[in-house]
Amino acid sequence: MSAALVAALLLSVAAYIHTRSPTPDMRPDQPLADLLWRGLSMLALVTWGVLIVRGFAREQWAEATVSLLGSFVANWYISQRGPRPTWPGLSMLFAVIGLGFAAWSFAME
């Protein structure tokens, strides 16, 4: 399993959790933490898209397709679990780890 695949899955889930948490109860209490979460989520979404497009552009269509479909499955699984109070922290953690894997992928692959 490549770093790009792991990064795509983590980044997708991180961005998806942010979009599924619109109520104030599901957001961090501090405005700065909420702003950081929003920024990480947007960066995660953009990086996810770049990873998918890069996978198809480099003619690694099988891995890019698995990344895309795996992201859909991971998001579906998260949606079936329902909202949880730990989602904001989990989303930020996934975004940071996913961005690290994406940076590794861009540098080494």
N, C-alpha and C. Protein backbone atom coordinates (compact mmCIF):
# COMPACT_ATOMS: atom_id res chain seq x y z
N MET A 1 0.85 -1.16 0.00
CA MET A 1 0.00 0.00 0.00
C MET A 1 0.90 1.23 0.00
N SER A 2 0.66 2.12 -0.92
CA SER A 2 1.53 3.29 -1.05
C SER A 2 1.09 4.40 -0.10
N ALA A 3 2.01 5.33 0.10
CA ALA A 3 1.72 6.48 0.96
C ALA A 3 0.60 7.33 0.37
N ALA A 4 0.54 7.40 -0.95
CA ALA A 4 -0.51 8.20 -1.60
C ALA A 4 -1.90 7.62 -1.32
N LEU A 5 -2.02 6.31 -1.32
CA LEU A 5 -3.30 5.67 -1.04
C LEU A 5 -3.74 5.93 0.39
N VAL A 6 -2.85 5.75 1.33
CA VAL A 6 -3.17 6.00 2.74
C VAL A 6 -3.52 7.47 2.94
N ALA A 7 -2.74 8.35 2.32
CA ALA A 7 -3.02 9.78 2.43
C ALA A 7 -4.39 10.13 1.87
N ALA A 8 -4.74 9.57 0.71
CA ALA A 8 -6.04 9.86 0.11
C ALA A 8 -7.19 9.42 1.01
N LEU A 9 -7.06 8.26 1.62
CA LEU A 9 -8.12 7.78 2.51
C LEU A 9 -8.25 8.67 3.74
N LEU A 10 -7.14 8.99 4.38
CA LEU A 10 -7.18 9.82 5.58
C LEU A 10 -7.68 11.23 5.28
N LEU A 11 -7.20 11.81 4.20
CA LEU A 11 -7.62 13.17 3.85
C LEU A 11 -9.09 13.24 3.48
N SER A 12 -9.57 12.22 2.80
CA SER A 12 -10.98 12.18 2.44
C SER A 12 -11.87 12.13 3.68
N VAL A 13 -11.52 11.27 4.60
CA VAL A 13 -12.31 11.15 5.83
C VAL A 13 -12.23 12.44 6.64
N ALA A 14 -11.06 13.06 6.70
CA ALA A 14 -10.91 14.31 7.45
C ALA A 14 -11.82 15.40 6.89
N ALA A 15 -11.84 15.55 5.58
CA ALA A 15 -12.69 16.57 4.96
C ALA A 15 -14.16 16.21 5.10
N TYR A 16 -14.49 14.94 4.98
CA TYR A 16 -15.88 14.51 5.07
C TYR A 16 -16.45 14.75 6.48
N ILE A 17 -15.67 14.45 7.48
CA ILE A 17 -16.14 14.68 8.86
C ILE A 17 -16.45 16.16 9.06
N HIS A 18 -15.61 17.03 8.52
CA HIS A 18 -15.87 18.47 8.68
C HIS A 18 -17.18 18.87 8.03
N THR A 19 -17.47 18.33 6.85
CA THR A 19 -18.71 18.70 6.18
C THR A 19 -19.94 18.11 6.88
N ARG A 20 -19.77 17.03 7.62
CA ARG A 20 -20.89 16.39 8.31
C ARG A 20 -21.10 16.93 9.72
N SER A 21 -20.37 17.97 10.10
CA SER A 21 -20.48 18.52 11.45
C SER A 21 -20.89 19.99 11.40
N PRO A 22 -22.08 20.28 10.87
CA PRO A 22 -22.47 21.68 10.73
C PRO A 22 -23.03 22.31 12.01
N THR A 23 -23.48 21.50 12.95
CA THR A 23 -24.09 22.05 14.15
C THR A 23 -23.02 22.56 15.12
N PRO A 24 -23.33 23.60 15.87
CA PRO A 24 -22.34 24.13 16.82
C PRO A 24 -21.92 23.11 17.89
N ASP A 25 -22.79 22.16 18.20
CA ASP A 25 -22.44 21.15 19.20
C ASP A 25 -21.31 20.24 18.71
N MET A 26 -21.18 20.10 17.41
CA MET A 26 -20.17 19.21 16.84
C MET A 26 -18.90 19.96 16.44
N ARG A 27 -18.80 21.22 16.82
CA ARG A 27 -17.63 22.03 16.48
C ARG A 27 -16.81 22.30 17.74
N PRO A 28 -15.52 22.60 17.58
CA PRO A 28 -14.71 22.97 18.75
C PRO A 28 -15.25 24.23 19.41
N ASP A 29 -15.05 24.32 20.71
CA ASP A 29 -15.57 25.47 21.46
C ASP A 29 -14.83 26.77 21.14
N GLN A 30 -13.52 26.68 20.98
CA GLN A 30 -12.72 27.87 20.72
C GLN A 30 -12.79 28.25 19.24
N PRO A 31 -13.00 29.55 18.97
CA PRO A 31 -13.07 29.99 17.56
C PRO A 31 -11.77 29.73 16.79
N LEU A 32 -10.62 29.84 17.46
CA LEU A 32 -9.35 29.59 16.79
C LEU A 32 -9.23 28.12 16.38
N ALA A 33 -9.67 27.22 17.24
CA ALA A 33 -9.64 25.79 16.92
C ALA A 33 -10.59 25.49 15.76
N ASP A 34 -11.75 26.15 15.74
CA ASP A 34 -12.69 25.95 14.64
C ASP A 34 -12.11 26.46 13.33
N LEU A 35 -11.42 27.59 13.38
CA LEU A 35 -10.78 28.13 12.19
C LEU A 35 -9.66 27.21 11.71
N LEU A 36 -8.87 26.68 12.63
CA LEU A 36 -7.82 25.74 12.28
C LEU A 36 -8.41 24.49 11.65
N TRP A 37 -9.51 24.00 12.22
CA TRP A 37 -10.17 22.82 11.67
C TRP A 37 -10.68 23.07 10.26
N ARG A 38 -11.26 24.25 10.04
CA ARG A 38 -11.76 24.59 8.72
C ARG A 38 -10.61 24.65 7.71
N GLY A 39 -9.50 25.26 8.11
CA GLY A 39 -8.34 25.36 7.22
C GLY A 39 -7.74 23.99 6.90
N LEU A 40 -7.60 23.15 7.94
CA LEU A 40 -7.08 21.80 7.72
C LEU A 40 -8.00 20.99 6.82
N SER A 41 -9.30 21.16 7.01
CA SER A 41 -10.27 20.43 6.20
C SER A 41 -10.18 20.85 4.73
N MET A 42 -10.07 22.13 4.49
CA MET A 42 -9.97 22.62 3.11
C MET A 42 -8.67 22.15 2.47
N LEU A 43 -7.58 22.22 3.21
CA LEU A 43 -6.29 21.75 2.70
C LEU A 43 -6.34 20.24 2.44
N ALA A 44 -7.02 19.50 3.31
CA ALA A 44 -7.17 18.06 3.12
C ALA A 44 -7.94 17.76 1.85
N LEU A 45 -9.01 18.49 1.61
CA LEU A 45 -9.82 18.26 0.41
C LEU A 45 -9.04 18.57 -0.87
N VAL A 46 -8.33 19.68 -0.88
CA VAL A 46 -7.55 20.05 -2.06
C VAL A 46 -6.43 19.04 -2.30
N THR A 47 -5.74 18.64 -1.24
CA THR A 47 -4.65 17.67 -1.38
C THR A 47 -5.18 16.33 -1.84
N TRP A 48 -6.35 15.93 -1.34
CA TRP A 48 -6.97 14.68 -1.79
C TRP A 48 -7.22 14.73 -3.30
N GLY A 49 -7.77 15.83 -3.76
CA GLY A 49 -8.02 15.98 -5.19
C GLY A 49 -6.75 15.94 -6.02
N VAL A 50 -5.71 16.59 -5.52
CA VAL A 50 -4.42 16.58 -6.23
C VAL A 50 -3.86 15.16 -6.28
N LEU A 51 -3.97 14.42 -5.18
CA LEU A 51 -3.48 13.04 -5.17
C LEU A 51 -4.21 12.17 -6.20
N ILE A 52 -5.52 12.33 -6.29
CA ILE A 52 -6.30 11.53 -7.24
C ILE A 52 -5.93 11.90 -8.67
N VAL A 53 -5.89 13.19 -8.96
CA VAL A 53 -5.56 13.64 -10.32
C VAL A 53 -4.13 13.22 -10.68
N ARG A 54 -3.21 13.37 -9.73
CA ARG A 54 -1.82 12.96 -9.99
C ARG A 54 -1.73 11.46 -10.28
N GLY A 55 -2.53 10.69 -9.57
CA GLY A 55 -2.52 9.25 -9.81
C GLY A 55 -2.97 8.90 -11.22
N PHE A 56 -4.02 9.57 -11.68
CA PHE A 56 -4.49 9.31 -13.04
C PHE A 56 -3.53 9.90 -14.07
N ALA A 57 -2.95 11.05 -13.80
CA ALA A 57 -2.05 11.70 -14.75
C ALA A 57 -0.76 10.92 -14.93
N ARG A 58 -0.31 10.25 -13.89
CA ARG A 58 0.93 9.47 -13.98
C ARG A 58 0.66 8.06 -14.50
N GLU A 59 -0.55 7.85 -14.99
CA GLU A 59 -0.97 6.57 -15.56
C GLU A 59 -0.93 5.42 -14.56
N GLN A 60 -1.13 5.74 -13.30
CA GLN A 60 -1.29 4.72 -12.29
C GLN A 60 -2.79 4.62 -11.99
N TRP A 61 -3.54 4.32 -13.02
CA TRP A 61 -4.99 4.39 -12.90
C TRP A 61 -5.55 3.42 -11.87
N ALA A 62 -4.90 2.27 -11.68
CA ALA A 62 -5.43 1.29 -10.73
C ALA A 62 -5.35 1.84 -9.31
N GLU A 63 -4.22 2.40 -8.93
CA GLU A 63 -4.09 2.95 -7.58
C GLU A 63 -4.98 4.17 -7.38
N ALA A 64 -5.08 5.01 -8.39
CA ALA A 64 -5.95 6.19 -8.29
C ALA A 64 -7.42 5.77 -8.17
N THR A 65 -7.81 4.75 -8.90
CA THR A 65 -9.18 4.25 -8.81
C THR A 65 -9.46 3.64 -7.44
N VAL A 66 -8.51 2.89 -6.92
CA VAL A 66 -8.66 2.32 -5.58
C VAL A 66 -8.73 3.43 -4.54
N SER A 67 -7.92 4.47 -4.71
CA SER A 67 -7.96 5.61 -3.79
C SER A 67 -9.33 6.29 -3.82
N LEU A 68 -9.85 6.49 -5.01
CA LEU A 68 -11.14 7.15 -5.16
C LEU A 68 -12.26 6.31 -4.57
N LEU A 69 -12.32 5.05 -4.95
CA LEU A 69 -13.38 4.17 -4.44
C LEU A 69 -13.21 3.90 -2.94
N GLY A 70 -11.97 3.75 -2.50
CA GLY A 70 -11.71 3.56 -1.08
C GLY A 70 -12.15 4.76 -0.26
N SER A 71 -11.98 5.95 -0.81
CA SER A 71 -12.43 7.16 -0.13
C SER A 71 -13.95 7.17 0.02
N PHE A 72 -14.64 6.75 -1.04
CA PHE A 72 -16.11 6.68 -0.97
C PHE A 72 -16.55 5.69 0.10
N VAL A 73 -15.90 4.55 0.15
CA VAL A 73 -16.25 3.52 1.14
C VAL A 73 -15.95 4.01 2.56
N ALA A 74 -14.79 4.63 2.76
CA ALA A 74 -14.44 5.14 4.09
C ALA A 74 -15.42 6.21 4.54
N ASN A 75 -15.81 7.10 3.63
CA ASN A 75 -16.79 8.13 3.98
C ASN A 75 -18.15 7.53 4.28
N TRP A 76 -18.53 6.52 3.53
CA TRP A 76 -19.80 5.84 3.80
C TRP A 76 -19.77 5.21 5.20
N TYR A 77 -18.66 4.57 5.53
CA TYR A 77 -18.54 3.94 6.85
C TYR A 77 -18.66 4.98 7.97
N ILE A 78 -18.00 6.11 7.79
CA ILE A 78 -18.08 7.17 8.80
C ILE A 78 -19.51 7.70 8.91
N SER A 79 -20.19 7.84 7.77
CA SER A 79 -21.57 8.34 7.81
C SER A 79 -22.51 7.36 8.51
N GLN A 80 -22.24 6.07 8.42
CA GLN A 80 -23.07 5.07 9.08
C GLN A 80 -22.87 5.07 10.59
N ARG A 81 -21.73 5.55 11.05
CA ARG A 81 -21.43 5.57 12.48
C ARG A 81 -22.20 6.68 13.21
N GLY A 82 -22.61 7.71 12.50
CA GLY A 82 -23.33 8.80 13.13
C GLY A 82 -22.38 9.78 13.80
N PRO A 83 -22.88 10.97 14.12
CA PRO A 83 -22.02 12.00 14.73
C PRO A 83 -21.49 11.56 16.09
N ARG A 84 -20.27 11.91 16.35
CA ARG A 84 -19.62 11.61 17.63
C ARG A 84 -18.95 12.88 18.15
N PRO A 85 -18.87 13.04 19.46
CA PRO A 85 -18.23 14.24 20.01
C PRO A 85 -16.73 14.31 19.71
N THR A 86 -16.12 13.19 19.41
CA THR A 86 -14.68 13.17 19.14
C THR A 86 -14.34 13.45 17.68
N TRP A 87 -15.34 13.69 16.85
CA TRP A 87 -15.10 13.89 15.43
C TRP A 87 -14.16 15.05 15.10
N PRO A 88 -14.31 16.23 15.72
CA PRO A 88 -13.40 17.32 15.35
C PRO A 88 -11.93 16.95 15.58
N GLY A 89 -11.62 16.38 16.71
CA GLY A 89 -10.24 15.98 16.99
C GLY A 89 -9.77 14.89 16.05
N LEU A 90 -10.63 13.92 15.78
CA LEU A 90 -10.28 12.84 14.87
C LEU A 90 -10.05 13.36 13.45
N SER A 91 -10.89 14.29 13.02
CA SER A 91 -10.74 14.88 11.70
C SER A 91 -9.42 15.64 11.59
N MET A 92 -9.07 16.42 12.61
CA MET A 92 -7.80 17.16 12.57
C MET A 92 -6.61 16.20 12.59
N LEU A 93 -6.70 15.14 13.38
CA LEU A 93 -5.63 14.15 13.44
C LEU A 93 -5.45 13.47 12.08
N PHE A 94 -6.56 13.05 11.47
CA PHE A 94 -6.50 12.42 10.15
C PHE A 94 -5.91 13.38 9.12
N ALA A 95 -6.29 14.66 9.20
CA ALA A 95 -5.78 15.64 8.24
C ALA A 95 -4.27 15.81 8.38
N VAL A 96 -3.79 15.93 9.60
CA VAL A 96 -2.35 16.12 9.81
C VAL A 96 -1.57 14.89 9.36
N ILE A 97 -2.03 13.71 9.74
CA ILE A 97 -1.34 12.48 9.33
C ILE A 97 -1.43 12.31 7.81
N GLY A 98 -2.60 12.55 7.25
CA GLY A 98 -2.77 12.44 5.80
C GLY A 98 -1.91 13.42 5.03
N LEU A 99 -1.78 14.65 5.53
CA LEU A 99 -0.92 15.62 4.87
C LEU A 99 0.54 15.20 4.96
N GLY A 100 0.92 14.56 6.07
CA GLY A 100 2.28 14.04 6.19
C GLY A 100 2.55 12.94 5.18
N PHE A 101 1.60 12.02 5.05
CA PHE A 101 1.74 10.96 4.05
C PHE A 101 1.75 11.52 2.63
N ALA A 102 0.94 12.54 2.39
CA ALA A 102 0.91 13.15 1.06
C ALA A 102 2.24 13.83 0.75
N ALA A 103 2.80 14.53 1.72
CA ALA A 103 4.11 15.16 1.52
C ALA A 103 5.17 14.11 1.22
N TRP A 104 5.11 13.02 1.96
CA TRP A 104 6.05 11.90 1.73
C TRP A 104 5.85 11.35 0.31
N SER A 105 4.62 11.21 -0.09
CA SER A 105 4.32 10.68 -1.42
C SER A 105 4.84 11.60 -2.51
N PHE A 106 4.62 12.90 -2.35
CA PHE A 106 5.09 13.85 -3.36
C PHE A 106 6.62 13.89 -3.43
N ALA A 107 7.27 13.72 -2.29
CA ALA A 107 8.72 13.80 -2.25
C ALA A 107 9.40 12.50 -2.73
N MET A 108 8.81 11.37 -2.42
CA MET A 108 9.51 10.09 -2.64
C MET A 108 8.95 9.24 -3.79
N GLU A 109 7.73 9.44 -4.18
CA GLU A 109 7.14 8.56 -5.21
C GLU A 109 7.12 9.22 -6.56
